[in-house]
Full PDB file with SEQRES, HELIX, SHEET, SSBOND, CRYST1, ORIGX, SCALE, CONECT and MASTER records, all heavy atoms in Angstrom:
SEQRES   1 A   35  PHE VAL TYR LYS MET PRO ASP GLU MET THR PHE PRO GLU          
SEQRES   2 A   35  ALA ALA ALA PHE SER LEU ASN PHE VAL ALA ALA TYR MET          
SEQRES   3 A   35  MET LEU PHE GLU VAL ALA ASN LEU ARG                          
HELIX    1 AA1 PHE A   11  TYR A   25  1                                  15    
HELIX    2 AA2 MET A   26  VAL A   31  3                                   6    
CRYST1    1.000    1.000    1.000  90.00  90.00  90.00 P 1           1          
ORIGX1      1.000000  0.000000  0.000000        0.00000                         
ORIGX2      0.000000  1.000000  0.000000        0.00000                         
ORIGX3      0.000000  0.000000  1.000000        0.00000                         
SCALE1      1.000000  0.000000  0.000000        0.00000                         
SCALE2      0.000000  1.000000  0.000000        0.00000                         
SCALE3      0.000000  0.000000  1.000000        0.00000                         
ATOM      1  N   PHE A   1       4.429   1.004 -13.106  1.00  0.00           N  
ATOM      2  CA  PHE A   1       3.904   1.805 -11.891  1.00  0.00           C  
ATOM      3  C   PHE A   1       2.372   1.692 -11.710  1.00  0.00           C  
ATOM      4  O   PHE A   1       1.856   2.456 -10.960  1.00  0.00           O  
ATOM      5  CB  PHE A   1       4.310   3.305 -12.037  1.00  0.00           C  
ATOM      6  CG  PHE A   1       5.732   3.519 -12.179  1.00  0.00           C  
ATOM      7  CD1 PHE A   1       6.231   4.695 -12.900  1.00  0.00           C  
ATOM      8  CD2 PHE A   1       6.675   2.712 -11.579  1.00  0.00           C  
ATOM      9  CE1 PHE A   1       7.582   4.899 -13.083  1.00  0.00           C  
ATOM     10  CE2 PHE A   1       8.078   2.962 -11.741  1.00  0.00           C  
ATOM     11  CZ  PHE A   1       8.496   4.083 -12.488  1.00  0.00           C  
ATOM     12  N   VAL A   2       1.790   0.838 -12.462  1.00  0.00           N  
ATOM     13  CA  VAL A   2       0.313   0.722 -12.479  1.00  0.00           C  
ATOM     14  C   VAL A   2      -0.140  -0.612 -11.928  1.00  0.00           C  
ATOM     15  O   VAL A   2       0.470  -1.651 -12.160  1.00  0.00           O  
ATOM     16  CB  VAL A   2      -0.287   0.866 -13.916  1.00  0.00           C  
ATOM     17  CG1 VAL A   2      -1.754   0.858 -13.898  1.00  0.00           C  
ATOM     18  CG2 VAL A   2       0.251   2.132 -14.565  1.00  0.00           C  
ATOM     19  N   TYR A   3      -1.219  -0.604 -11.065  1.00  0.00           N  
ATOM     20  CA  TYR A   3      -1.691  -1.819 -10.375  1.00  0.00           C  
ATOM     21  C   TYR A   3      -3.235  -1.875 -10.496  1.00  0.00           C  
ATOM     22  O   TYR A   3      -3.868  -0.818 -10.322  1.00  0.00           O  
ATOM     23  CB  TYR A   3      -1.235  -1.799  -8.934  1.00  0.00           C  
ATOM     24  CG  TYR A   3       0.184  -1.450  -8.721  1.00  0.00           C  
ATOM     25  CD1 TYR A   3       0.518  -0.105  -8.508  1.00  0.00           C  
ATOM     26  CD2 TYR A   3       1.211  -2.406  -8.741  1.00  0.00           C  
ATOM     27  CE1 TYR A   3       1.833   0.260  -8.341  1.00  0.00           C  
ATOM     28  CE2 TYR A   3       2.551  -1.987  -8.610  1.00  0.00           C  
ATOM     29  CZ  TYR A   3       2.867  -0.671  -8.377  1.00  0.00           C  
ATOM     30  OH  TYR A   3       4.151  -0.287  -8.250  1.00  0.00           O  
ATOM     31  N   LYS A   4      -3.738  -3.052 -10.668  1.00  0.00           N  
ATOM     32  CA  LYS A   4      -5.262  -3.157 -10.760  1.00  0.00           C  
ATOM     33  C   LYS A   4      -5.800  -3.113  -9.324  1.00  0.00           C  
ATOM     34  O   LYS A   4      -5.235  -3.570  -8.376  1.00  0.00           O  
ATOM     35  CB  LYS A   4      -5.563  -4.508 -11.369  1.00  0.00           C  
ATOM     36  CG  LYS A   4      -5.294  -4.589 -12.892  1.00  0.00           C  
ATOM     37  CD  LYS A   4      -5.769  -5.956 -13.472  1.00  0.00           C  
ATOM     38  CE  LYS A   4      -5.393  -5.944 -14.929  1.00  0.00           C  
ATOM     39  NZ  LYS A   4      -5.762  -7.240 -15.569  1.00  0.00           N  
ATOM     40  N   MET A   5      -6.955  -2.432  -9.257  1.00  0.00           N  
ATOM     41  CA  MET A   5      -7.669  -2.232  -7.947  1.00  0.00           C  
ATOM     42  C   MET A   5      -8.586  -3.422  -7.691  1.00  0.00           C  
ATOM     43  O   MET A   5      -9.109  -4.028  -8.604  1.00  0.00           O  
ATOM     44  CB  MET A   5      -8.586  -1.018  -8.057  1.00  0.00           C  
ATOM     45  CG  MET A   5      -7.877   0.321  -8.185  1.00  0.00           C  
ATOM     46  SD  MET A   5      -8.971   1.649  -8.569  1.00  0.00           S  
ATOM     47  CE  MET A   5     -10.301   1.488  -7.407  1.00  0.00           C  
ATOM     48  N   PRO A   6      -8.679  -3.793  -6.393  1.00  0.00           N  
ATOM     49  CA  PRO A   6      -9.708  -4.795  -6.061  1.00  0.00           C  
ATOM     50  C   PRO A   6     -11.090  -4.280  -6.362  1.00  0.00           C  
ATOM     51  O   PRO A   6     -11.370  -3.103  -6.342  1.00  0.00           O  
ATOM     52  CB  PRO A   6      -9.514  -4.929  -4.530  1.00  0.00           C  
ATOM     53  CG  PRO A   6      -8.125  -4.380  -4.295  1.00  0.00           C  
ATOM     54  CD  PRO A   6      -7.853  -3.385  -5.281  1.00  0.00           C  
ATOM     55  N   ASP A   7     -11.982  -5.193  -6.664  1.00  0.00           N  
ATOM     56  CA  ASP A   7     -13.363  -4.819  -6.990  1.00  0.00           C  
ATOM     57  C   ASP A   7     -14.079  -3.967  -5.945  1.00  0.00           C  
ATOM     58  O   ASP A   7     -14.854  -3.076  -6.266  1.00  0.00           O  
ATOM     59  CB  ASP A   7     -14.243  -6.053  -7.340  1.00  0.00           C  
ATOM     60  CG  ASP A   7     -13.760  -6.799  -8.573  1.00  0.00           C  
ATOM     61  OD1 ASP A   7     -13.062  -6.209  -9.415  1.00  0.00           O  
ATOM     62  OD2 ASP A   7     -14.011  -7.997  -8.637  1.00  0.00           O  
ATOM     63  N   GLU A   8     -13.823  -4.278  -4.670  1.00  0.00           N  
ATOM     64  CA  GLU A   8     -14.489  -3.514  -3.591  1.00  0.00           C  
ATOM     65  C   GLU A   8     -13.888  -2.253  -3.249  1.00  0.00           C  
ATOM     66  O   GLU A   8     -14.461  -1.440  -2.507  1.00  0.00           O  
ATOM     67  CB  GLU A   8     -14.563  -4.422  -2.347  1.00  0.00           C  
ATOM     68  CG  GLU A   8     -15.365  -5.704  -2.566  1.00  0.00           C  
ATOM     69  CD  GLU A   8     -15.379  -6.507  -1.261  1.00  0.00           C  
ATOM     70  OE1 GLU A   8     -14.892  -6.060  -0.223  1.00  0.00           O  
ATOM     71  OE2 GLU A   8     -15.993  -7.605  -1.244  1.00  0.00           O  
ATOM     72  N   MET A   9     -12.731  -1.904  -3.758  1.00  0.00           N  
ATOM     73  CA  MET A   9     -11.992  -0.667  -3.411  1.00  0.00           C  
ATOM     74  C   MET A   9     -12.584   0.517  -4.215  1.00  0.00           C  
ATOM     75  O   MET A   9     -12.724   0.383  -5.441  1.00  0.00           O  
ATOM     76  CB  MET A   9     -10.500  -0.828  -3.698  1.00  0.00           C  
ATOM     77  CG  MET A   9      -9.625   0.354  -3.183  1.00  0.00           C  
ATOM     78  SD  MET A   9      -7.880   0.078  -3.468  1.00  0.00           S  
ATOM     79  CE  MET A   9      -7.440  -0.981  -2.135  1.00  0.00           C  
ATOM     80  N   THR A  10     -12.876   1.601  -3.555  1.00  0.00           N  
ATOM     81  CA  THR A  10     -13.286   2.824  -4.252  1.00  0.00           C  
ATOM     82  C   THR A  10     -12.093   3.587  -4.808  1.00  0.00           C  
ATOM     83  O   THR A  10     -10.966   3.393  -4.384  1.00  0.00           O  
ATOM     84  CB  THR A  10     -14.089   3.726  -3.299  1.00  0.00           C  
ATOM     85  OG1 THR A  10     -13.203   4.218  -2.257  1.00  0.00           O  
ATOM     86  CG2 THR A  10     -15.231   2.943  -2.604  1.00  0.00           C  
ATOM     87  N   PHE A  11     -12.371   4.531  -5.709  1.00  0.00           N  
ATOM     88  CA  PHE A  11     -11.291   5.284  -6.201  1.00  0.00           C  
ATOM     89  C   PHE A  11     -10.604   6.216  -5.148  1.00  0.00           C  
ATOM     90  O   PHE A  11      -9.429   6.282  -5.143  1.00  0.00           O  
ATOM     91  CB  PHE A  11     -11.814   6.203  -7.436  1.00  0.00           C  
ATOM     92  CG  PHE A  11     -12.098   5.421  -8.639  1.00  0.00           C  
ATOM     93  CD1 PHE A  11     -13.460   5.262  -9.140  1.00  0.00           C  
ATOM     94  CD2 PHE A  11     -11.086   4.736  -9.296  1.00  0.00           C  
ATOM     95  CE1 PHE A  11     -13.776   4.580 -10.257  1.00  0.00           C  
ATOM     96  CE2 PHE A  11     -11.386   4.028 -10.436  1.00  0.00           C  
ATOM     97  CZ  PHE A  11     -12.706   3.879 -10.957  1.00  0.00           C  
ATOM     98  N   PRO A  12     -11.302   6.826  -4.267  1.00  0.00           N  
ATOM     99  CA  PRO A  12     -10.627   7.587  -3.207  1.00  0.00           C  
ATOM    100  C   PRO A  12      -9.762   6.655  -2.306  1.00  0.00           C  
ATOM    101  O   PRO A  12      -8.638   7.042  -1.929  1.00  0.00           O  
ATOM    102  CB  PRO A  12     -11.818   8.217  -2.389  1.00  0.00           C  
ATOM    103  CG  PRO A  12     -12.889   8.309  -3.384  1.00  0.00           C  
ATOM    104  CD  PRO A  12     -12.785   7.140  -4.230  1.00  0.00           C  
ATOM    105  N   GLU A  13     -10.260   5.469  -2.011  1.00  0.00           N  
ATOM    106  CA  GLU A  13      -9.470   4.515  -1.232  1.00  0.00           C  
ATOM    107  C   GLU A  13      -8.184   4.183  -1.959  1.00  0.00           C  
ATOM    108  O   GLU A  13      -7.137   4.003  -1.338  1.00  0.00           O  
ATOM    109  CB  GLU A  13     -10.261   3.303  -0.922  1.00  0.00           C  
ATOM    110  CG  GLU A  13     -11.332   3.430   0.187  1.00  0.00           C  
ATOM    111  CD  GLU A  13     -12.063   2.220   0.460  1.00  0.00           C  
ATOM    112  OE1 GLU A  13     -12.075   1.304  -0.405  1.00  0.00           O  
ATOM    113  OE2 GLU A  13     -12.714   2.103   1.515  1.00  0.00           O  
ATOM    114  N   ALA A  14      -8.339   3.888  -3.287  1.00  0.00           N  
ATOM    115  CA  ALA A  14      -7.138   3.523  -4.022  1.00  0.00           C  
ATOM    116  C   ALA A  14      -6.095   4.657  -4.067  1.00  0.00           C  
ATOM    117  O   ALA A  14      -4.854   4.413  -4.006  1.00  0.00           O  
ATOM    118  CB  ALA A  14      -7.589   3.160  -5.502  1.00  0.00           C  
ATOM    119  N   ALA A  15      -6.583   5.934  -4.196  1.00  0.00           N  
ATOM    120  CA  ALA A  15      -5.638   7.044  -4.134  1.00  0.00           C  
ATOM    121  C   ALA A  15      -4.976   7.222  -2.850  1.00  0.00           C  
ATOM    122  O   ALA A  15      -3.921   7.827  -2.719  1.00  0.00           O  
ATOM    123  CB  ALA A  15      -6.347   8.390  -4.604  1.00  0.00           C  
ATOM    124  N   ALA A  16      -5.612   6.671  -1.749  1.00  0.00           N  
ATOM    125  CA  ALA A  16      -5.057   6.771  -0.431  1.00  0.00           C  
ATOM    126  C   ALA A  16      -4.186   5.549  -0.061  1.00  0.00           C  
ATOM    127  O   ALA A  16      -3.633   5.507   1.009  1.00  0.00           O  
ATOM    128  CB  ALA A  16      -6.226   6.957   0.589  1.00  0.00           C  
ATOM    129  N   PHE A  17      -4.220   4.532  -0.975  1.00  0.00           N  
ATOM    130  CA  PHE A  17      -3.604   3.304  -0.593  1.00  0.00           C  
ATOM    131  C   PHE A  17      -2.158   3.119  -1.036  1.00  0.00           C  
ATOM    132  O   PHE A  17      -1.315   2.835  -0.142  1.00  0.00           O  
ATOM    133  CB  PHE A  17      -4.446   2.186  -1.294  1.00  0.00           C  
ATOM    134  CG  PHE A  17      -4.047   0.746  -0.891  1.00  0.00           C  
ATOM    135  CD1 PHE A  17      -4.587   0.161   0.226  1.00  0.00           C  
ATOM    136  CD2 PHE A  17      -3.232   0.023  -1.660  1.00  0.00           C  
ATOM    137  CE1 PHE A  17      -4.185  -1.104   0.619  1.00  0.00           C  
ATOM    138  CE2 PHE A  17      -2.829  -1.284  -1.353  1.00  0.00           C  
ATOM    139  CZ  PHE A  17      -3.349  -1.845  -0.194  1.00  0.00           C  
ATOM    140  N   SER A  18      -1.846   3.375  -2.261  1.00  0.00           N  
ATOM    141  CA  SER A  18      -0.577   2.928  -2.820  1.00  0.00           C  
ATOM    142  C   SER A  18       0.597   3.534  -2.090  1.00  0.00           C  
ATOM    143  O   SER A  18       1.467   2.782  -1.579  1.00  0.00           O  
ATOM    144  CB  SER A  18      -0.514   3.327  -4.293  1.00  0.00           C  
ATOM    145  OG  SER A  18      -0.828   4.715  -4.500  1.00  0.00           O  
ATOM    146  N   LEU A  19       0.762   4.857  -2.006  1.00  0.00           N  
ATOM    147  CA  LEU A  19       1.971   5.427  -1.418  1.00  0.00           C  
ATOM    148  C   LEU A  19       2.085   5.166   0.070  1.00  0.00           C  
ATOM    149  O   LEU A  19       3.117   4.733   0.572  1.00  0.00           O  
ATOM    150  CB  LEU A  19       2.013   6.954  -1.681  1.00  0.00           C  
ATOM    151  CG  LEU A  19       3.458   7.625  -1.501  1.00  0.00           C  
ATOM    152  CD1 LEU A  19       3.492   8.745  -2.458  1.00  0.00           C  
ATOM    153  CD2 LEU A  19       3.578   8.088  -0.036  1.00  0.00           C  
ATOM    154  N   ASN A  20       0.952   5.393   0.754  1.00  0.00           N  
ATOM    155  CA  ASN A  20       1.028   5.295   2.282  1.00  0.00           C  
ATOM    156  C   ASN A  20       1.215   3.817   2.703  1.00  0.00           C  
ATOM    157  O   ASN A  20       2.041   3.560   3.585  1.00  0.00           O  
ATOM    158  CB  ASN A  20      -0.285   5.721   2.876  1.00  0.00           C  
ATOM    159  CG  ASN A  20      -0.532   7.292   2.827  1.00  0.00           C  
ATOM    160  OD1 ASN A  20       0.409   7.946   2.449  1.00  0.00           O  
ATOM    161  ND2 ASN A  20      -1.661   7.731   3.093  1.00  0.00           N  
ATOM    162  N   PHE A  21       0.514   2.847   2.123  1.00  0.00           N  
ATOM    163  CA  PHE A  21       0.680   1.521   2.607  1.00  0.00           C  
ATOM    164  C   PHE A  21       1.941   0.825   2.141  1.00  0.00           C  
ATOM    165  O   PHE A  21       2.574   0.051   2.861  1.00  0.00           O  
ATOM    166  CB  PHE A  21      -0.551   0.655   2.245  1.00  0.00           C  
ATOM    167  CG  PHE A  21      -1.626   0.758   3.207  1.00  0.00           C  
ATOM    168  CD1 PHE A  21      -2.702   1.720   3.077  1.00  0.00           C  
ATOM    169  CD2 PHE A  21      -1.719  -0.053   4.342  1.00  0.00           C  
ATOM    170  CE1 PHE A  21      -3.658   1.832   4.001  1.00  0.00           C  
ATOM    171  CE2 PHE A  21      -2.776   0.006   5.228  1.00  0.00           C  
ATOM    172  CZ  PHE A  21      -3.723   1.031   5.108  1.00  0.00           C  
ATOM    173  N   VAL A  22       2.340   1.159   0.936  1.00  0.00           N  
ATOM    174  CA  VAL A  22       3.665   0.577   0.427  1.00  0.00           C  
ATOM    175  C   VAL A  22       4.807   1.125   1.290  1.00  0.00           C  
ATOM    176  O   VAL A  22       5.717   0.362   1.695  1.00  0.00           O  
ATOM    177  CB  VAL A  22       3.874   0.905  -1.040  1.00  0.00           C  
ATOM    178  CG1 VAL A  22       5.276   0.470  -1.480  1.00  0.00           C  
ATOM    179  CG2 VAL A  22       2.861   0.131  -1.910  1.00  0.00           C  
ATOM    180  N   ALA A  23       4.829   2.417   1.530  1.00  0.00           N  
ATOM    181  CA  ALA A  23       5.908   3.001   2.415  1.00  0.00           C  
ATOM    182  C   ALA A  23       5.863   2.418   3.793  1.00  0.00           C  
ATOM    183  O   ALA A  23       6.926   2.009   4.350  1.00  0.00           O  
ATOM    184  CB  ALA A  23       5.700   4.522   2.453  1.00  0.00           C  
ATOM    185  N   ALA A  24       4.669   2.266   4.368  1.00  0.00           N  
ATOM    186  CA  ALA A  24       4.587   1.759   5.715  1.00  0.00           C  
ATOM    187  C   ALA A  24       5.048   0.288   5.800  1.00  0.00           C  
ATOM    188  O   ALA A  24       5.805  -0.123   6.679  1.00  0.00           O  
ATOM    189  CB  ALA A  24       3.120   1.868   6.270  1.00  0.00           C  
ATOM    190  N   TYR A  25       4.609  -0.503   4.812  1.00  0.00           N  
ATOM    191  CA  TYR A  25       4.989  -1.915   4.797  1.00  0.00           C  
ATOM    192  C   TYR A  25       6.512  -2.115   4.605  1.00  0.00           C  
ATOM    193  O   TYR A  25       7.120  -2.898   5.309  1.00  0.00           O  
ATOM    194  CB  TYR A  25       4.209  -2.609   3.591  1.00  0.00           C  
ATOM    195  CG  TYR A  25       4.483  -4.145   3.587  1.00  0.00           C  
ATOM    196  CD1 TYR A  25       3.542  -4.976   4.146  1.00  0.00           C  
ATOM    197  CD2 TYR A  25       5.625  -4.718   3.049  1.00  0.00           C  
ATOM    198  CE1 TYR A  25       3.712  -6.364   4.158  1.00  0.00           C  
ATOM    199  CE2 TYR A  25       5.834  -6.046   3.054  1.00  0.00           C  
ATOM    200  CZ  TYR A  25       4.861  -6.870   3.611  1.00  0.00           C  
ATOM    201  OH  TYR A  25       5.070  -8.262   3.634  1.00  0.00           O  
ATOM    202  N   MET A  26       7.050  -1.264   3.675  1.00  0.00           N  
ATOM    203  CA  MET A  26       8.511  -1.524   3.447  1.00  0.00           C  
ATOM    204  C   MET A  26       9.387  -1.079   4.598  1.00  0.00           C  
ATOM    205  O   MET A  26      10.414  -1.655   4.889  1.00  0.00           O  
ATOM    206  CB  MET A  26       8.878  -0.781   2.117  1.00  0.00           C  
ATOM    207  CG  MET A  26       8.181  -1.365   0.908  1.00  0.00           C  
ATOM    208  SD  MET A  26       8.876  -0.691  -0.651  1.00  0.00           S  
ATOM    209  CE  MET A  26      10.315  -1.709  -0.844  1.00  0.00           C  
ATOM    210  N   MET A  27       8.940  -0.019   5.249  1.00  0.00           N  
ATOM    211  CA  MET A  27       9.705   0.389   6.434  1.00  0.00           C  
ATOM    212  C   MET A  27       9.645  -0.623   7.536  1.00  0.00           C  
ATOM    213  O   MET A  27      10.650  -0.959   8.176  1.00  0.00           O  
ATOM    214  CB  MET A  27       9.225   1.732   6.924  1.00  0.00           C  
ATOM    215  CG  MET A  27       9.601   2.909   6.036  1.00  0.00           C  
ATOM    216  SD  MET A  27       9.266   4.543   6.759  1.00  0.00           S  
ATOM    217  CE  MET A  27       7.520   4.548   6.772  1.00  0.00           C  
ATOM    218  N   LEU A  28       8.430  -1.142   7.787  1.00  0.00           N  
ATOM    219  CA  LEU A  28       8.251  -2.094   8.862  1.00  0.00           C  
ATOM    220  C   LEU A  28       8.941  -3.510   8.589  1.00  0.00           C  
ATOM    221  O   LEU A  28       9.622  -4.029   9.444  1.00  0.00           O  
ATOM    222  CB  LEU A  28       6.760  -2.278   9.136  1.00  0.00           C  
ATOM    223  CG  LEU A  28       6.024  -1.136   9.833  1.00  0.00           C  
ATOM    224  CD1 LEU A  28       4.517  -1.385   9.884  1.00  0.00           C  
ATOM    225  CD2 LEU A  28       6.528  -0.885  11.232  1.00  0.00           C  
ATOM    226  N   PHE A  29       8.630  -3.982   7.371  1.00  0.00           N  
ATOM    227  CA  PHE A  29       9.035  -5.349   7.132  1.00  0.00           C  
ATOM    228  C   PHE A  29      10.336  -5.506   6.304  1.00  0.00           C  
ATOM    229  O   PHE A  29      11.070  -6.474   6.485  1.00  0.00           O  
ATOM    230  CB  PHE A  29       7.880  -6.075   6.449  1.00  0.00           C  
ATOM    231  CG  PHE A  29       6.643  -6.164   7.277  1.00  0.00           C  
ATOM    232  CD1 PHE A  29       5.557  -5.314   7.010  1.00  0.00           C  
ATOM    233  CD2 PHE A  29       6.608  -7.086   8.376  1.00  0.00           C  
ATOM    234  CE1 PHE A  29       4.449  -5.373   7.867  1.00  0.00           C  
ATOM    235  CE2 PHE A  29       5.413  -7.159   9.149  1.00  0.00           C  
ATOM    236  CZ  PHE A  29       4.383  -6.277   8.814  1.00  0.00           C  
ATOM    237  N   GLU A  30      10.601  -4.618   5.371  1.00  0.00           N  
ATOM    238  CA  GLU A  30      11.760  -4.741   4.550  1.00  0.00           C  
ATOM    239  C   GLU A  30      12.991  -4.116   5.208  1.00  0.00           C  
ATOM    240  O   GLU A  30      14.113  -4.632   5.107  1.00  0.00           O  
ATOM    241  CB  GLU A  30      11.516  -4.068   3.187  1.00  0.00           C  
ATOM    242  CG  GLU A  30      10.403  -4.637   2.332  1.00  0.00           C  
ATOM    243  CD  GLU A  30      10.714  -6.005   1.815  1.00  0.00           C  
ATOM    244  OE1 GLU A  30      11.906  -6.319   1.700  1.00  0.00           O  
ATOM    245  OE2 GLU A  30       9.756  -6.756   1.473  1.00  0.00           O  
ATOM    246  N   VAL A  31      12.813  -2.961   5.905  1.00  0.00           N  
ATOM    247  CA  VAL A  31      13.910  -2.274   6.551  1.00  0.00           C  
ATOM    248  C   VAL A  31      14.076  -2.770   7.996  1.00  0.00           C  
ATOM    249  O   VAL A  31      15.174  -3.078   8.401  1.00  0.00           O  
ATOM    250  CB  VAL A  31      13.746  -0.770   6.441  1.00  0.00           C  
ATOM    251  CG1 VAL A  31      14.957  -0.075   7.094  1.00  0.00           C  
ATOM    252  CG2 VAL A  31      13.531  -0.303   4.959  1.00  0.00           C  
ATOM    253  N   ALA A  32      13.023  -2.697   8.768  1.00  0.00           N  
ATOM    254  CA  ALA A  32      13.148  -2.945  10.219  1.00  0.00           C  
ATOM    255  C   ALA A  32      12.838  -4.403  10.645  1.00  0.00           C  
ATOM    256  O   ALA A  32      13.101  -4.720  11.789  1.00  0.00           O  
ATOM    257  CB  ALA A  32      12.241  -1.970  10.988  1.00  0.00           C  
ATOM    258  N   ASN A  33      12.382  -5.196   9.747  1.00  0.00           N  
ATOM    259  CA  ASN A  33      12.124  -6.586   9.981  1.00  0.00           C  
ATOM    260  C   ASN A  33      11.207  -6.787  11.249  1.00  0.00           C  
ATOM    261  O   ASN A  33      11.553  -7.552  12.137  1.00  0.00           O  
ATOM    262  CB  ASN A  33      13.463  -7.320  10.231  1.00  0.00           C  
ATOM    263  CG  ASN A  33      13.308  -8.883  10.241  1.00  0.00           C  
ATOM    264  OD1 ASN A  33      12.313  -9.368   9.664  1.00  0.00           O  
ATOM    265  ND2 ASN A  33      14.221  -9.577  10.768  1.00  0.00           N  
ATOM    266  N   LEU A  34      10.025  -6.192  11.172  1.00  0.00           N  
ATOM    267  CA  LEU A  34       9.059  -6.316  12.243  1.00  0.00           C  
ATOM    268  C   LEU A  34       8.658  -7.748  12.426  1.00  0.00           C  
ATOM    269  O   LEU A  34       8.319  -8.476  11.536  1.00  0.00           O  
ATOM    270  CB  LEU A  34       7.823  -5.473  11.934  1.00  0.00           C  
ATOM    271  CG  LEU A  34       6.693  -5.524  12.980  1.00  0.00           C  
ATOM    272  CD1 LEU A  34       7.129  -4.904  14.297  1.00  0.00           C  
ATOM    273  CD2 LEU A  34       5.410  -4.840  12.455  1.00  0.00           C  
ATOM    274  N   ARG A  35       8.675  -8.169  13.807  1.00  0.00           N  
ATOM    275  CA  ARG A  35       8.314  -9.531  14.152  1.00  0.00           C  
ATOM    276  C   ARG A  35       7.406  -9.512  15.367  1.00  0.00           C  
ATOM    277  O   ARG A  35       7.303  -8.451  15.979  1.00  0.00           O  
ATOM    278  CB  ARG A  35       9.537 -10.393  14.379  1.00  0.00           C  
ATOM    279  CG  ARG A  35      10.419 -10.479  13.211  1.00  0.00           C  
ATOM    280  CD  ARG A  35      11.681 -11.403  13.491  1.00  0.00           C  
ATOM    281  NE  ARG A  35      12.434 -10.976  14.649  1.00  0.00           N  
ATOM    282  CZ  ARG A  35      13.300 -10.048  14.600  1.00  0.00           C  
ATOM    283  NH1 ARG A  35      13.532  -9.291  13.450  1.00  0.00           N  
ATOM    284  NH2 ARG A  35      14.050  -9.726  15.723  1.00  0.00           N  
TER     285      ARG A  35                                                      
MASTER        0    0    0    2    0    0    0    6  284    1    0    3          
END                                                                             
């Protein structure tokens, strides 16, 4: 469940990144097949 952060990413950005963007990506591309 652990992932390395990009060098330019701040800690607040990282805490805002994982759940929101993974959920958004999977709904759009894995479930709904956005094209």
